[in-house]
Amino acid sequence: MIPVPNGVRVWLATGHTDMRKGFPGVALVVQETLKRDPHNGHLFVFRGRRGDLIKVLWHDGQGACLFSKKLERGRFIWPSPTDGVVTITPAQLGYLLEGIDWRMPQTTWRPTATG
């Protein structure tokens, strides 16, 4: 898991992104599409056309990191392009990376009383 410091926001690039892009390509998407600075320490998440591959761009203060994850089965839950710029919490990013619906995760059953 990416060590997300306090105060860091997670931005989702809605729609799909060409997953052949590397550091310069996704940084340019951050600047031109999301209208954000890719070097500000926030996380920027991109999803491929098929939905089974994501990339996360993060500048940690020393340099840029580009993480990727491909699901063996299923697809990452993603907002539609009409949603515009979407931010999620670091906890929701954890769900997203596990392939869980981050919009409404299911809580487990908890007992109401002991004994």
PDB file of N, CA and C in Angstrom:
ATOM      1  N   MET A   1       0.848  -1.188   0.000  1.00  0.00           N
ATOM      2  CA  MET A   1       0.000   0.000   0.000  1.00  0.00           C
ATOM      3  C   MET A   1       0.882   1.236   0.000  1.00  0.00           C
ATOM      4  N   ILE A   2       0.420   2.266  -0.655  1.00  0.00           N
ATOM      5  CA  ILE A   2       1.135   3.531  -0.726  1.00  0.00           C
ATOM      6  C   ILE A   2       1.018   4.224   0.629  1.00  0.00           C
ATOM      7  N   PRO A   3       2.131   4.648   1.225  1.00  0.00           N
ATOM      8  CA  PRO A   3       2.045   5.346   2.516  1.00  0.00           C
ATOM      9  C   PRO A   3       1.512   6.761   2.312  1.00  0.00           C
ATOM     10  N   VAL A   4       0.220   6.949   2.545  1.00  0.00           N
ATOM     11  CA  VAL A   4      -0.419   8.238   2.277  1.00  0.00           C
ATOM     12  C   VAL A   4      -0.320   9.121   3.513  1.00  0.00           C
ATOM     13  N   PRO A   5       0.452  10.215   3.446  1.00  0.00           N
ATOM     14  CA  PRO A   5       0.562  11.126   4.593  1.00  0.00           C
ATOM     15  C   PRO A   5      -0.756  11.860   4.849  1.00  0.00           C
ATOM     16  N   ASN A   6      -0.909  12.384   6.055  1.00  0.00           N
ATOM     17  CA  ASN A   6      -2.096  13.163   6.406  1.00  0.00           C
ATOM     18  C   ASN A   6      -2.210  14.374   5.495  1.00  0.00           C
ATOM     19  N   GLY A   7      -3.430  14.717   5.151  1.00  0.00           N
ATOM     20  CA  GLY A   7      -3.674  15.898   4.328  1.00  0.00           C
ATOM     21  C   GLY A   7      -3.558  15.675   2.842  1.00  0.00           C
ATOM     22  N   VAL A   8      -3.175  14.484   2.424  1.00  0.00           N
ATOM     23  CA  VAL A   8      -3.025  14.200   1.002  1.00  0.00           C
ATOM     24  C   VAL A   8      -4.392  13.846   0.425  1.00  0.00           C
ATOM     25  N   ARG A   9      -4.700  14.404  -0.728  1.00  0.00           N
ATOM     26  CA  ARG A   9      -5.966  14.104  -1.398  1.00  0.00           C
ATOM     27  C   ARG A   9      -5.706  13.099  -2.514  1.00  0.00           C
ATOM     28  N   VAL A  10      -6.741  12.349  -2.837  1.00  0.00           N
ATOM     29  CA  VAL A  10      -6.667  11.348  -3.901  1.00  0.00           C
ATOM     30  C   VAL A  10      -7.634  11.786  -5.000  1.00  0.00           C
ATOM     31  N   TRP A  11      -7.100  12.008  -6.185  1.00  0.00           N
ATOM     32  CA  TRP A  11      -7.893  12.491  -7.323  1.00  0.00           C
ATOM     33  C   TRP A  11      -8.034  11.369  -8.335  1.00  0.00           C
ATOM     34  N   LEU A  12      -9.263  11.159  -8.826  1.00  0.00           N
ATOM     35  CA  LEU A  12      -9.512  10.172  -9.867  1.00  0.00           C
ATOM     36  C   LEU A  12      -9.696  10.884 -11.198  1.00  0.00           C
ATOM     37  N   ALA A  13      -8.987  10.403 -12.211  1.00  0.00           N
ATOM     38  CA  ALA A  13      -9.164  10.914 -13.568  1.00  0.00           C
ATOM     39  C   ALA A  13     -10.324  10.137 -14.172  1.00  0.00           C
ATOM     40  N   THR A  14     -11.506  10.743 -14.218  1.00  0.00           N
ATOM     41  CA  THR A  14     -12.691  10.036 -14.701  1.00  0.00           C
ATOM     42  C   THR A  14     -12.514   9.651 -16.162  1.00  0.00           C
ATOM     43  N   GLY A  15     -13.291   8.679 -16.587  1.00  0.00           N
ATOM     44  CA  GLY A  15     -13.138   8.161 -17.938  1.00  0.00           C
ATOM     45  C   GLY A  15     -11.991   7.171 -17.979  1.00  0.00           C
ATOM     46  N   HIS A  16     -11.415   6.986 -19.157  1.00  0.00           N
ATOM     47  CA  HIS A  16     -10.285   6.069 -19.274  1.00  0.00           C
ATOM     48  C   HIS A  16      -9.056   6.820 -19.779  1.00  0.00           C
ATOM     49  N   THR A  17      -7.904   6.265 -19.460  1.00  0.00           N
ATOM     50  CA  THR A  17      -6.618   6.853 -19.823  1.00  0.00           C
ATOM     51  C   THR A  17      -5.816   5.822 -20.592  1.00  0.00           C
ATOM     52  N   ASP A  18      -5.021   6.270 -21.539  1.00  0.00           N
ATOM     53  CA  ASP A  18      -4.131   5.390 -22.281  1.00  0.00           C
ATOM     54  C   ASP A  18      -3.059   4.867 -21.328  1.00  0.00           C
ATOM     55  N   MET A  19      -3.081   3.588 -21.039  1.00  0.00           N
ATOM     56  CA  MET A  19      -2.172   3.005 -20.061  1.00  0.00           C
ATOM     57  C   MET A  19      -0.751   2.824 -20.596  1.00  0.00           C
ATOM     58  N   ARG A  20      -0.498   3.202 -21.831  1.00  0.00           N
ATOM     59  CA  ARG A  20       0.875   3.189 -22.351  1.00  0.00           C
ATOM     60  C   ARG A  20       1.662   4.404 -21.860  1.00  0.00           C
ATOM     61  N   LYS A  21       0.949   5.381 -21.298  1.00  0.00           N
ATOM     62  CA  LYS A  21       1.611   6.598 -20.812  1.00  0.00           C
ATOM     63  C   LYS A  21       2.469   6.302 -19.595  1.00  0.00           C
ATOM     64  N   GLY A  22       3.607   6.966 -19.530  1.00  0.00           N
ATOM     65  CA  GLY A  22       4.495   6.874 -18.382  1.00  0.00           C
ATOM     66  C   GLY A  22       4.412   8.152 -17.562  1.00  0.00           C
ATOM     67  N   PHE A  23       5.503   8.474 -16.849  1.00  0.00           N
ATOM     68  CA  PHE A  23       5.527   9.669 -15.997  1.00  0.00           C
ATOM     69  C   PHE A  23       5.113  10.944 -16.731  1.00  0.00           C
ATOM     70  N   PRO A  24       5.777  11.275 -17.843  1.00  0.00           N
ATOM     71  CA  PRO A  24       5.428  12.551 -18.483  1.00  0.00           C
ATOM     72  C   PRO A  24       3.991  12.592 -18.989  1.00  0.00           C
ATOM     73  N   GLY A  25       3.512  11.467 -19.521  1.00  0.00           N
ATOM     74  CA  GLY A  25       2.169  11.429 -20.084  1.00  0.00           C
ATOM     75  C   GLY A  25       1.082  11.605 -19.044  1.00  0.00           C
ATOM     76  N   VAL A  26       1.175  10.870 -17.932  1.00  0.00           N
ATOM     77  CA  VAL A  26       0.131  11.015 -16.915  1.00  0.00           C
ATOM     78  C   VAL A  26       0.262  12.343 -16.180  1.00  0.00           C
ATOM     79  N   ALA A  27       1.472  12.856 -16.019  1.00  0.00           N
ATOM     80  CA  ALA A  27       1.646  14.180 -15.400  1.00  0.00           C
ATOM     81  C   ALA A  27       0.993  15.258 -16.268  1.00  0.00           C
ATOM     82  N   LEU A  28       1.081  15.100 -17.569  1.00  0.00           N
ATOM     83  CA  LEU A  28       0.438  16.045 -18.480  1.00  0.00           C
ATOM     84  C   LEU A  28      -1.081  15.960 -18.372  1.00  0.00           C
ATOM     85  N   VAL A  29      -1.613  14.755 -18.195  1.00  0.00           N
ATOM     86  CA  VAL A  29      -3.061  14.596 -17.985  1.00  0.00           C
ATOM     87  C   VAL A  29      -3.485  15.298 -16.694  1.00  0.00           C
ATOM     88  N   VAL A  30      -2.674  15.173 -15.653  1.00  0.00           N
ATOM     89  CA  VAL A  30      -2.979  15.846 -14.382  1.00  0.00           C
ATOM     90  C   VAL A  30      -3.050  17.354 -14.598  1.00  0.00           C
ATOM     91  N   GLN A  31      -2.080  17.908 -15.318  1.00  0.00           N
ATOM     92  CA  GLN A  31      -2.040  19.349 -15.544  1.00  0.00           C
ATOM     93  C   GLN A  31      -3.169  19.830 -16.446  1.00  0.00           C
ATOM     94  N   GLU A  32      -3.397  19.139 -17.552  1.00  0.00           N
ATOM     95  CA  GLU A  32      -4.341  19.640 -18.547  1.00  0.00           C
ATOM     96  C   GLU A  32      -5.787  19.239 -18.280  1.00  0.00           C
ATOM     97  N   THR A  33      -6.015  18.032 -17.802  1.00  0.00           N
ATOM     98  CA  THR A  33      -7.385  17.561 -17.609  1.00  0.00           C
ATOM     99  C   THR A  33      -7.896  17.857 -16.206  1.00  0.00           C
ATOM    100  N   LEU A  34      -7.096  17.502 -15.199  1.00  0.00           N
ATOM    101  CA  LEU A  34      -7.528  17.712 -13.818  1.00  0.00           C
ATOM    102  C   LEU A  34      -7.234  19.123 -13.317  1.00  0.00           C
ATOM    103  N   LYS A  35      -6.403  19.868 -14.064  1.00  0.00           N
ATOM    104  CA  LYS A  35      -6.022  21.241 -13.686  1.00  0.00           C
ATOM    105  C   LYS A  35      -5.366  21.275 -12.308  1.00  0.00           C
ATOM    106  N   ARG A  36      -4.475  20.330 -12.046  1.00  0.00           N
ATOM    107  CA  ARG A  36      -3.762  20.228 -10.773  1.00  0.00           C
ATOM    108  C   ARG A  36      -2.258  20.157 -11.043  1.00  0.00           C
ATOM    109  N   ASP A  37      -1.486  20.384 -10.001  1.00  0.00           N
ATOM    110  CA  ASP A  37      -0.030  20.284 -10.073  1.00  0.00           C
ATOM    111  C   ASP A  37       0.376  18.857  -9.712  1.00  0.00           C
ATOM    112  N   PRO A  38       0.994  18.108 -10.623  1.00  0.00           N
ATOM    113  CA  PRO A  38       1.361  16.724 -10.325  1.00  0.00           C
ATOM    114  C   PRO A  38       2.493  16.586  -9.307  1.00  0.00           C
ATOM    115  N   HIS A  39       3.121  17.690  -8.923  1.00  0.00           N
ATOM    116  CA  HIS A  39       4.242  17.654  -7.987  1.00  0.00           C
ATOM    117  C   HIS A  39       3.864  18.116  -6.587  1.00  0.00           C
ATOM    118  N   ASN A  40       2.562  18.219  -6.286  1.00  0.00           N
ATOM    119  CA  ASN A  40       2.126  18.769  -5.000  1.00  0.00           C
ATOM    120  C   ASN A  40       1.977  17.728  -3.892  1.00  0.00           C
ATOM    121  N   GLY A  41       2.273  16.463  -4.177  1.00  0.00           N
ATOM    122  CA  GLY A  41       2.203  15.435  -3.142  1.00  0.00           C
ATOM    123  C   GLY A  41       0.886  14.689  -3.077  1.00  0.00           C
ATOM    124  N   HIS A  42      -0.100  15.104  -3.869  1.00  0.00           N
ATOM    125  CA  HIS A  42      -1.371  14.392  -3.905  1.00  0.00           C
ATOM    126  C   HIS A  42      -1.246  13.169  -4.807  1.00  0.00           C
ATOM    127  N   LEU A  43      -2.197  12.234  -4.697  1.00  0.00           N
ATOM    128  CA  LEU A  43      -2.208  11.031  -5.523  1.00  0.00           C
ATOM    129  C   LEU A  43      -3.212  11.209  -6.647  1.00  0.00           C
ATOM    130  N   PHE A  44      -2.823  10.797  -7.834  1.00  0.00           N
ATOM    131  CA  PHE A  44      -3.669  10.903  -9.014  1.00  0.00           C
ATOM    132  C   PHE A  44      -3.811   9.504  -9.602  1.00  0.00           C
ATOM    133  N   VAL A  45      -5.067   9.047  -9.735  1.00  0.00           N
ATOM    134  CA  VAL A  45      -5.340   7.671 -10.126  1.00  0.00           C
ATOM    135  C   VAL A  45      -5.998   7.651 -11.502  1.00  0.00           C
ATOM    136  N   PHE A  46      -5.519   6.749 -12.363  1.00  0.00           N
ATOM    137  CA  PHE A  46      -6.001   6.625 -13.737  1.00  0.00           C
ATOM    138  C   PHE A  46      -6.404   5.177 -13.994  1.00  0.00           C
ATOM    139  N   ARG A  47      -7.446   4.988 -14.809  1.00  0.00           N
ATOM    140  CA  ARG A  47      -7.900   3.641 -15.138  1.00  0.00           C
ATOM    141  C   ARG A  47      -7.860   3.445 -16.644  1.00  0.00           C
ATOM    142  N   GLY A  48      -7.482   2.250 -17.071  1.00  0.00           N
ATOM    143  CA  GLY A  48      -7.442   1.919 -18.490  1.00  0.00           C
ATOM    144  C   GLY A  48      -8.822   1.659 -19.060  1.00  0.00           C
ATOM    145  N   ARG A  49      -8.874   1.500 -20.358  1.00  0.00           N
ATOM    146  CA  ARG A  49     -10.141   1.314 -21.069  1.00  0.00           C
ATOM    147  C   ARG A  49     -10.883   0.055 -20.631  1.00  0.00           C
ATOM    148  N   ARG A  50     -10.170  -1.063 -20.446  1.00  0.00           N
ATOM    149  CA  ARG A  50     -10.826  -2.314 -20.053  1.00  0.00           C
ATOM    150  C   ARG A  50     -11.270  -2.315 -18.599  1.00  0.00           C
ATOM    151  N   GLY A  51     -10.680  -1.463 -17.782  1.00  0.00           N
ATOM    152  CA  GLY A  51     -11.100  -1.345 -16.394  1.00  0.00           C
ATOM    153  C   GLY A  51     -10.386  -2.249 -15.419  1.00  0.00           C
ATOM    154  N   ASP A  52      -9.454  -3.061 -15.901  1.00  0.00           N
ATOM    155  CA  ASP A  52      -8.754  -3.981 -15.000  1.00  0.00           C
ATOM    156  C   ASP A  52      -7.363  -3.499 -14.613  1.00  0.00           C
ATOM    157  N   LEU A  53      -6.965  -2.328 -15.093  1.00  0.00           N
ATOM    158  CA  LEU A  53      -5.634  -1.787 -14.819  1.00  0.00           C
ATOM    159  C   LEU A  53      -5.757  -0.340 -14.366  1.00  0.00           C
ATOM    160  N   ILE A  54      -5.065  -0.016 -13.273  1.00  0.00           N
ATOM    161  CA  ILE A  54      -4.995   1.377 -12.831  1.00  0.00           C
ATOM    162  C   ILE A  54      -3.532   1.764 -12.623  1.00  0.00           C
ATOM    163  N   LYS A  55      -3.286   3.056 -12.699  1.00  0.00           N
ATOM    164  CA  LYS A  55      -1.978   3.631 -12.384  1.00  0.00           C
ATOM    165  C   LYS A  55      -2.194   4.765 -11.400  1.00  0.00           C
ATOM    166  N   VAL A  56      -1.254   4.891 -10.459  1.00  0.00           N
ATOM    167  CA  VAL A  56      -1.308   5.949  -9.455  1.00  0.00           C
ATOM    168  C   VAL A  56      -0.018   6.753  -9.550  1.00  0.00           C
ATOM    169  N   LEU A  57      -0.152   8.056  -9.771  1.00  0.00           N
ATOM    170  CA  LEU A  57       0.993   8.963  -9.824  1.00  0.00           C
ATOM    171  C   LEU A  57       1.080   9.701  -8.502  1.00  0.00           C
ATOM    172  N   TRP A  58       2.278   9.713  -7.934  1.00  0.00           N
ATOM    173  CA  TRP A  58       2.489  10.375  -6.647  1.00  0.00           C
ATOM    174  C   TRP A  58       3.890  10.961  -6.622  1.00  0.00           C
ATOM    175  N   HIS A  59       4.008  12.225  -6.262  1.00  0.00           N
ATOM    176  CA  HIS A  59       5.315  12.866  -6.082  1.00  0.00           C
ATOM    177  C   HIS A  59       5.558  12.944  -4.586  1.00  0.00           C
ATOM    178  N   ASP A  60       6.585  12.247  -4.099  1.00  0.00           N
ATOM    179  CA  ASP A  60       6.823  12.146  -2.656  1.00  0.00           C
ATOM    180  C   ASP A  60       7.750  13.217  -2.107  1.00  0.00           C
ATOM    181  N   GLY A  61       8.091  14.220  -2.908  1.00  0.00           N
ATOM    182  CA  GLY A  61       8.986  15.276  -2.464  1.00  0.00           C
ATOM    183  C   GLY A  61      10.396  15.082  -2.983  1.00  0.00           C
ATOM    184  N   GLN A  62      10.758  13.846  -3.300  1.00  0.00           N
ATOM    185  CA  GLN A  62      12.074  13.554  -3.857  1.00  0.00           C
ATOM    186  C   GLN A  62      12.008  13.215  -5.332  1.00  0.00           C
ATOM    187  N   GLY A  63      10.878  12.690  -5.743  1.00  0.00           N
ATOM    188  CA  GLY A  63      10.707  12.298  -7.133  1.00  0.00           C
ATOM    189  C   GLY A  63       9.322  11.721  -7.343  1.00  0.00           C
ATOM    190  N   ALA A  64       9.028  11.454  -8.589  1.00  0.00           N
ATOM    191  CA  ALA A  64       7.708  10.925  -8.936  1.00  0.00           C
ATOM    192  C   ALA A  64       7.711   9.404  -8.851  1.00  0.00           C
ATOM    193  N   CYS A  65       6.606   8.867  -8.353  1.00  0.00           N
ATOM    194  CA  CYS A  65       6.398   7.418  -8.272  1.00  0.00           C
ATOM    195  C   CYS A  65       5.191   7.088  -9.133  1.00  0.00           C
ATOM    196  N   LEU A  66       5.274   6.016  -9.887  1.00  0.00           N
ATOM    197  CA  LEU A  66       4.160   5.575 -10.706  1.00  0.00           C
ATOM    198  C   LEU A  66       3.889   4.118 -10.365  1.00  0.00           C
ATOM    199  N   PHE A  67       2.770   3.890  -9.688  1.00  0.00           N
ATOM    200  CA  PHE A  67       2.370   2.553  -9.272  1.00  0.00           C
ATOM    201  C   PHE A  67       1.313   2.043 -10.236  1.00  0.00           C
ATOM    202  N   SER A  68       1.290   0.744 -10.449  1.00  0.00           N
ATOM    203  CA  SER A  68       0.229   0.166 -11.271  1.00  0.00           C
ATOM    204  C   SER A  68      -0.275  -1.117 -10.634  1.00  0.00           C
ATOM    205  N   LYS A  69      -1.552  -1.415 -10.910  1.00  0.00           N
ATOM    206  CA  LYS A  69      -2.143  -2.659 -10.423  1.00  0.00           C
ATOM    207  C   LYS A  69      -3.102  -3.171 -11.476  1.00  0.00           C
ATOM    208  N   LYS A  70      -3.000  -4.472 -11.758  1.00  0.00           N
ATOM    209  CA  LYS A  70      -3.883  -5.136 -12.715  1.00  0.00           C
ATOM    210  C   LYS A  70      -4.629  -6.226 -11.978  1.00  0.00           C
ATOM    211  N   LEU A  71      -5.956  -6.205 -12.070  1.00  0.00           N
ATOM    212  CA  LEU A  71      -6.767  -7.227 -11.449  1.00  0.00           C
ATOM    213  C   LEU A  71      -6.750  -8.498 -12.294  1.00  0.00           C
ATOM    214  N   GLU A  72      -6.665  -9.631 -11.631  1.00  0.00           N
ATOM    215  CA  GLU A  72      -6.725 -10.912 -12.337  1.00  0.00           C
ATOM    216  C   GLU A  72      -8.135 -11.158 -12.873  1.00  0.00           C
ATOM    217  N   ARG A  73      -9.140 -10.788 -12.077  1.00  0.00           N
ATOM    218  CA  ARG A  73     -10.537 -10.928 -12.484  1.00  0.00           C
ATOM    219  C   ARG A  73     -11.292  -9.676 -12.064  1.00  0.00           C
ATOM    220  N   GLY A  74     -12.295  -9.308 -12.834  1.00  0.00           N
ATOM    221  CA  GLY A  74     -13.125  -8.166 -12.487  1.00  0.00           C
ATOM    222  C   GLY A  74     -12.561  -6.844 -12.975  1.00  0.00           C
ATOM    223  N   ARG A  75     -13.229  -5.782 -12.549  1.00  0.00           N
ATOM    224  CA  ARG A  75     -12.846  -4.429 -12.954  1.00  0.00           C
ATOM    225  C   ARG A  75     -12.867  -3.505 -11.753  1.00  0.00           C
ATOM    226  N   PHE A  76     -12.073  -2.465 -11.836  1.00  0.00           N
ATOM    227  CA  PHE A  76     -12.086  -1.434 -10.805  1.00  0.00           C
ATOM    228  C   PHE A  76     -13.356  -0.600 -10.956  1.00  0.00           C
ATOM    229  N   ILE A  77     -14.008  -0.289  -9.831  1.00  0.00           N
ATOM    230  CA  ILE A  77     -15.194   0.563  -9.836  1.00  0.00           C
ATOM    231  C   ILE A  77     -14.726   1.988 -10.118  1.00  0.00           C
ATOM    232  N   TRP A  78     -15.351   2.631 -11.105  1.00  0.00           N
ATOM    233  CA  TRP A  78     -14.872   3.934 -11.556  1.00  0.00           C
ATOM    234  C   TRP A  78     -16.028   4.876 -11.804  1.00  0.00           C
ATOM    235  N   PRO A  79     -15.880   6.162 -11.484  1.00  0.00           N
ATOM    236  CA  PRO A  79     -16.948   7.119 -11.769  1.00  0.00           C
ATOM    237  C   PRO A  79     -17.057   7.376 -13.271  1.00  0.00           C
ATOM    238  N   SER A  80     -18.230   7.806 -13.713  1.00  0.00           N
ATOM    239  CA  SER A  80     -18.418   8.097 -15.134  1.00  0.00           C
ATOM    240  C   SER A  80     -17.752   9.425 -15.477  1.00  0.00           C
ATOM    241  N   PRO A  81     -17.426   9.631 -16.756  1.00  0.00           N
ATOM    242  CA  PRO A  81     -16.795  10.898 -17.154  1.00  0.00           C
ATOM    243  C   PRO A  81     -17.656  12.119 -16.858  1.00  0.00           C
ATOM    244  N   THR A  82     -18.966  11.938 -16.749  1.00  0.00           N
ATOM    245  CA  THR A  82     -19.848  13.078 -16.477  1.00  0.00           C
ATOM    246  C   THR A  82     -19.744  13.558 -15.041  1.00  0.00           C
ATOM    247  N   ASP A  83     -19.113  12.746 -14.160  1.00  0.00           N
ATOM    248  CA  ASP A  83     -18.954  13.150 -12.768  1.00  0.00           C
ATOM    249  C   ASP A  83     -17.937  14.271 -12.605  1.00  0.00           C
ATOM    250  N   GLY A  84     -17.146  14.544 -13.629  1.00  0.00           N
ATOM    251  CA  GLY A  84     -16.133  15.590 -13.545  1.00  0.00           C
ATOM    252  C   GLY A  84     -14.965  15.164 -12.675  1.00  0.00           C
ATOM    253  N   VAL A  85     -14.365  16.104 -11.979  1.00  0.00           N
ATOM    254  CA  VAL A  85     -13.233  15.813 -11.108  1.00  0.00           C
ATOM    255  C   VAL A  85     -13.746  15.147  -9.835  1.00  0.00           C
ATOM    256  N   VAL A  86     -13.190  13.999  -9.491  1.00  0.00           N
ATOM    257  CA  VAL A  86     -13.645  13.238  -8.331  1.00  0.00           C
ATOM    258  C   VAL A  86     -12.485  13.067  -7.358  1.00  0.00           C
ATOM    259  N   THR A  87     -12.731  13.353  -6.083  1.00  0.00           N
ATOM    260  CA  THR A  87     -11.745  13.082  -5.047  1.00  0.00           C
ATOM    261  C   THR A  87     -12.316  12.016  -4.122  1.00  0.00           C
ATOM    262  N   ILE A  88     -11.422  11.165  -3.628  1.00  0.00           N
ATOM    263  CA  ILE A  88     -11.810  10.138  -2.671  1.00  0.00           C
ATOM    264  C   ILE A  88     -10.847  10.198  -1.494  1.00  0.00           C
ATOM    265  N   THR A  89     -11.200   9.541  -0.416  1.00  0.00           N
ATOM    266  CA  THR A  89     -10.340   9.515   0.766  1.00  0.00           C
ATOM    267  C   THR A  89      -9.272   8.437   0.596  1.00  0.00           C
ATOM    268  N   PRO A  90      -8.195   8.515   1.366  1.00  0.00           N
ATOM    269  CA  PRO A  90      -7.206   7.437   1.325  1.00  0.00           C
ATOM    270  C   PRO A  90      -7.808   6.071   1.681  1.00  0.00           C
ATOM    271  N   ALA A  91      -8.797   6.046   2.588  1.00  0.00           N
ATOM    272  CA  ALA A  91      -9.459   4.779   2.924  1.00  0.00           C
ATOM    273  C   ALA A  91     -10.208   4.231   1.712  1.00  0.00           C
ATOM    274  N   GLN A  92     -10.886   5.102   0.968  1.00  0.00           N
ATOM    275  CA  GLN A  92     -11.576   4.665  -0.242  1.00  0.00           C
ATOM    276  C   GLN A  92     -10.582   4.172  -1.288  1.00  0.00           C
ATOM    277  N   LEU A  93      -9.398   4.778  -1.345  1.00  0.00           N
ATOM    278  CA  LEU A  93      -8.360   4.298  -2.254  1.00  0.00           C
ATOM    279  C   LEU A  93      -7.971   2.872  -1.893  1.00  0.00           C
ATOM    280  N   GLY A  94      -7.878   2.585  -0.606  1.00  0.00           N
ATOM    281  CA  GLY A  94      -7.571   1.223  -0.173  1.00  0.00           C
ATOM    282  C   GLY A  94      -8.605   0.229  -0.671  1.00  0.00           C
ATOM    283  N   TYR A  95      -9.894   0.595  -0.566  1.00  0.00           N
ATOM    284  CA  TYR A  95     -10.958  -0.256  -1.106  1.00  0.00           C
ATOM    285  C   TYR A  95     -10.803  -0.425  -2.612  1.00  0.00           C
ATOM    286  N   LEU A  96     -10.563   0.692  -3.294  1.00  0.00           N
ATOM    287  CA  LEU A  96     -10.416   0.665  -4.748  1.00  0.00           C
ATOM    288  C   LEU A  96      -9.303  -0.288  -5.165  1.00  0.00           C
ATOM    289  N   LEU A  97      -8.159  -0.201  -4.486  1.00  0.00           N
ATOM    290  CA  LEU A  97      -7.022  -1.059  -4.837  1.00  0.00           C
ATOM    291  C   LEU A  97      -7.309  -2.540  -4.581  1.00  0.00           C
ATOM    292  N   GLU A  98      -8.232  -2.825  -3.675  1.00  0.00           N
ATOM    293  CA  GLU A  98      -8.613  -4.216  -3.386  1.00  0.00           C
ATOM    294  C   GLU A  98      -9.728  -4.705  -4.297  1.00  0.00           C
ATOM    295  N   GLY A  99     -10.226  -3.845  -5.178  1.00  0.00           N
ATOM    296  CA  GLY A  99     -11.306  -4.236  -6.071  1.00  0.00           C
ATOM    297  C   GLY A  99     -12.676  -4.174  -5.428  1.00  0.00           C
ATOM    298  N   ILE A 100     -12.791  -3.490  -4.281  1.00  0.00           N
ATOM    299  CA  ILE A 100     -14.050  -3.350  -3.553  1.00  0.00           C
ATOM    300  C   ILE A 100     -14.728  -2.057  -4.005  1.00  0.00           C
ATOM    301  N   ASP A 101     -16.054  -2.066  -4.053  1.00  0.00           N
ATOM    302  CA  ASP A 101     -16.796  -0.864  -4.424  1.00  0.00           C
ATOM    303  C   ASP A 101     -16.565   0.208  -3.357  1.00  0.00           C
ATOM    304  N   TRP A 102     -15.750   1.190  -3.642  1.00  0.00           N
ATOM    305  CA  TRP A 102     -15.364   2.228  -2.686  1.00  0.00           C
ATOM    306  C   TRP A 102     -16.493   3.216  -2.437  1.00  0.00           C
ATOM    307  N   ARG A 103     -17.512   3.232  -3.299  1.00  0.00           N
ATOM    308  CA  ARG A 103     -18.616   4.191  -3.133  1.00  0.00           C
ATOM    309  C   ARG A 103     -19.523   3.817  -1.977  1.00  0.00           C
ATOM    310  N   MET A 104     -19.683   2.506  -1.737  1.00  0.00           N
ATOM    311  CA  MET A 104     -20.547   2.052  -0.662  1.00  0.00           C
ATOM    312  C   MET A 104     -20.047   0.687  -0.169  1.00  0.00           C
ATOM    313  N   PRO A 105     -18.937   0.671   0.567  1.00  0.00           N
ATOM    314  CA  PRO A 105     -18.429  -0.612   1.052  1.00  0.00           C
ATOM    315  C   PRO A 105     -19.389  -1.231   2.060  1.00  0.00           C
ATOM    316  N   GLN A 106     -19.459  -2.523   2.060  1.00  0.00           N
ATOM    317  CA  GLN A 106     -20.349  -3.235   2.968  1.00  0.00           C
ATOM    318  C   GLN A 106     -19.649  -3.458   4.297  1.00  0.00           C
ATOM    319  N   THR A 107     -20.322  -3.090   5.374  1.00  0.00           N
ATOM    320  CA  THR A 107     -19.768  -3.344   6.697  1.00  0.00           C
ATOM    321  C   THR A 107     -20.085  -4.783   7.089  1.00  0.00           C
ATOM    322  N   THR A 108     -19.261  -5.337   7.923  1.00  0.00           N
ATOM    323  CA  THR A 108     -19.520  -6.690   8.393  1.00  0.00           C
ATOM    324  C   THR A 108     -20.519  -6.642   9.526  1.00  0.00           C
ATOM    325  N   TRP A 109     -21.149  -7.762   9.795  1.00  0.00           N
ATOM    326  CA  TRP A 109     -22.124  -7.841  10.872  1.00  0.00           C
ATOM    327  C   TRP A 109     -21.404  -7.714  12.204  1.00  0.00           C
ATOM    328  N   ARG A 110     -21.966  -6.942  13.098  1.00  0.00           N
ATOM    329  CA  ARG A 110     -21.407  -6.777  14.443  1.00  0.00           C
ATOM    330  C   ARG A 110     -22.478  -7.147  15.457  1.00  0.00           C
ATOM    331  N   PRO A 111     -22.123  -7.912  16.466  1.00  0.00           N
ATOM    332  CA  PRO A 111     -23.118  -8.279  17.471  1.00  0.00           C
ATOM    333  C   PRO A 111     -23.553  -7.048  18.265  1.00  0.00           C
ATOM    334  N   THR A 112     -24.814  -7.054  18.666  1.00  0.00           N
ATOM    335  CA  THR A 112     -25.358  -5.941  19.438  1.00  0.00           C
ATOM    336  C   THR A 112     -25.172  -6.129  20.938  1.00  0.00           C
ATOM    337  N   ALA A 113     -25.008  -7.382  21.351  1.00  0.00           N
ATOM    338  CA  ALA A 113     -24.815  -7.659  22.780  1.00  0.00           C
ATOM    339  C   ALA A 113     -23.869  -8.857  22.925  1.00  0.00           C
ATOM    340  N   THR A 114     -23.185  -8.907  24.021  1.00  0.00           N
ATOM    341  CA  THR A 114     -22.309 -10.044  24.265  1.00  0.00           C
ATOM    342  C   THR A 114     -23.074 -11.134  25.017  1.00  0.00           C
ATOM    343  N   GLY A 115     -22.602 -12.349  24.837  1.00  0.00           N
ATOM    344  CA  GLY A 115     -23.178 -13.457  25.631  1.00  0.00           C
ATOM    345  C   GLY A 115     -24.289 -14.173  25.053  1.00  0.00           C
TER     346      GLY A 115
END
